[in-house]
Amino acid sequence: MSQTIELPRTAGPDGALGGSWRVIVRNDNHNTFDHVAFTLARFVPGVSVAAGYGFADLIHNTGRAIVWSGHREPAELYWEQLRDAGLTMAPLERG
């Protein structure tokens, strides 16, 4: 008869795919406020064009903004969509 041995967890319940992952857009010299605002509104759930302009202003004044946080899989999708639209992205961060 075989016995199953349960190994201790090396990560909490918010392991590799769960938990909070941050999608961060960085400031650059080539994207306009309009492009940033409309791109965020197009790809990030819950972001309106008005909120996109708020993020664009924050990015411009502080150098970066966390535009979305949540589980890793959707974070990766939004990160790729924003990058492919020409925004300057920081690496995904856990947090």
Protein backbone atom coordinates (compact mmCIF):
# COMPACT_ATOMS: atom_id res chain seq x y z
CA MET A 1 0.00 0.00 0.00
CA SER A 2 1.41 3.40 -0.96
CA GLN A 3 1.29 6.37 1.29
CA THR A 4 0.93 9.99 0.23
CA ILE A 5 3.23 12.36 2.02
CA GLU A 6 2.13 15.98 2.01
CA LEU A 7 5.03 18.39 1.77
CA PRO A 8 4.87 21.75 3.51
CA ARG A 9 3.82 24.74 1.44
CA THR A 10 6.60 26.91 0.16
CA ALA A 11 4.23 29.73 -0.71
CA GLY A 12 1.03 31.05 0.77
CA PRO A 13 -2.41 30.80 -0.80
CA ASP A 14 -1.48 33.71 -3.05
CA GLY A 15 1.18 31.60 -4.79
CA ALA A 16 2.43 31.95 -8.35
CA LEU A 17 -0.84 32.80 -10.11
CA GLY A 18 -2.87 34.28 -7.30
CA GLY A 19 -2.18 37.22 -5.05
CA SER A 20 -1.69 40.75 -6.14
CA TRP A 21 0.39 41.62 -9.19
CA ARG A 22 0.91 45.22 -10.25
CA VAL A 23 0.75 46.52 -13.82
CA ILE A 24 2.89 49.66 -13.91
CA VAL A 25 3.16 52.18 -16.75
CA ARG A 26 6.27 54.36 -16.85
CA ASN A 27 6.78 57.85 -18.18
CA ASP A 28 8.49 58.29 -21.55
CA ASN A 29 9.16 61.00 -24.10
CA HIS A 30 7.11 59.64 -26.99
CA ASN A 31 3.55 58.88 -25.79
CA THR A 32 1.00 61.67 -25.63
CA PHE A 33 -1.51 62.11 -22.80
CA ASP A 34 -4.26 61.25 -25.29
CA HIS A 35 -2.59 57.99 -26.33
CA VAL A 36 -1.97 56.92 -22.72
CA ALA A 37 -5.52 57.80 -21.60
CA PHE A 38 -7.27 56.10 -24.51
CA THR A 39 -5.01 53.02 -24.36
CA LEU A 40 -5.64 52.53 -20.66
CA ALA A 41 -9.39 52.96 -21.19
CA ARG A 42 -9.31 50.43 -24.02
CA PHE A 43 -7.43 47.64 -22.25
CA VAL A 44 -7.72 48.03 -18.47
CA PRO A 45 -11.09 46.99 -17.00
CA GLY A 46 -12.84 49.76 -15.13
CA VAL A 47 -10.67 52.57 -16.50
CA SER A 48 -12.61 55.30 -18.25
CA VAL A 49 -11.00 57.85 -20.55
CA ALA A 50 -11.27 60.42 -17.72
CA ALA A 51 -9.50 58.03 -15.34
CA GLY A 52 -6.96 57.35 -18.10
CA TYR A 53 -6.15 61.07 -18.18
CA GLY A 54 -5.72 60.96 -14.40
CA PHE A 55 -3.25 58.11 -14.77
CA ALA A 56 -1.47 59.95 -17.61
CA ASP A 57 -1.04 62.97 -15.35
CA LEU A 58 0.26 60.80 -12.50
CA ILE A 59 2.68 59.02 -14.84
CA HIS A 60 3.92 62.34 -16.17
CA ASN A 61 4.41 63.88 -12.72
CA THR A 62 5.77 60.91 -10.76
CA GLY A 63 7.38 58.81 -13.47
CA ARG A 64 5.06 55.82 -13.11
CA ALA A 65 1.63 54.64 -12.01
CA ILE A 66 0.11 51.35 -10.96
CA VAL A 67 -2.79 51.11 -13.40
CA TRP A 68 -4.14 47.70 -12.33
CA SER A 69 -3.48 45.05 -9.70
CA GLY A 70 -4.83 41.56 -9.27
CA HIS A 71 -4.12 37.95 -10.20
CA ARG A 72 -1.09 37.21 -12.32
CA GLU A 73 -2.76 35.84 -15.44
CA PRO A 74 -4.91 38.89 -16.21
CA ALA A 75 -2.04 41.16 -15.10
CA GLU A 76 0.17 39.55 -17.74
CA LEU A 77 -2.53 40.02 -20.38
CA TYR A 78 -3.06 43.71 -19.59
CA TRP A 79 0.71 44.27 -19.39
CA GLU A 80 1.22 42.75 -22.85
CA GLN A 81 -1.69 44.67 -24.38
CA LEU A 82 -0.41 47.98 -23.03
CA ARG A 83 3.15 47.22 -24.15
CA ASP A 84 1.96 46.19 -27.62
CA ALA A 85 0.04 49.49 -27.85
CA GLY A 86 3.33 51.33 -27.30
CA LEU A 87 3.23 52.24 -23.63
CA THR A 88 6.44 51.99 -21.63
CA MET A 89 5.99 49.28 -19.06
CA ALA A 90 7.82 48.40 -15.86
CA PRO A 91 8.19 44.68 -15.13
CA LEU A 92 5.23 43.10 -13.33
CA GLU A 93 5.60 43.41 -9.57
CA ARG A 94 4.18 41.32 -6.77
CA GLY A 95 2.47 43.23 -4.09
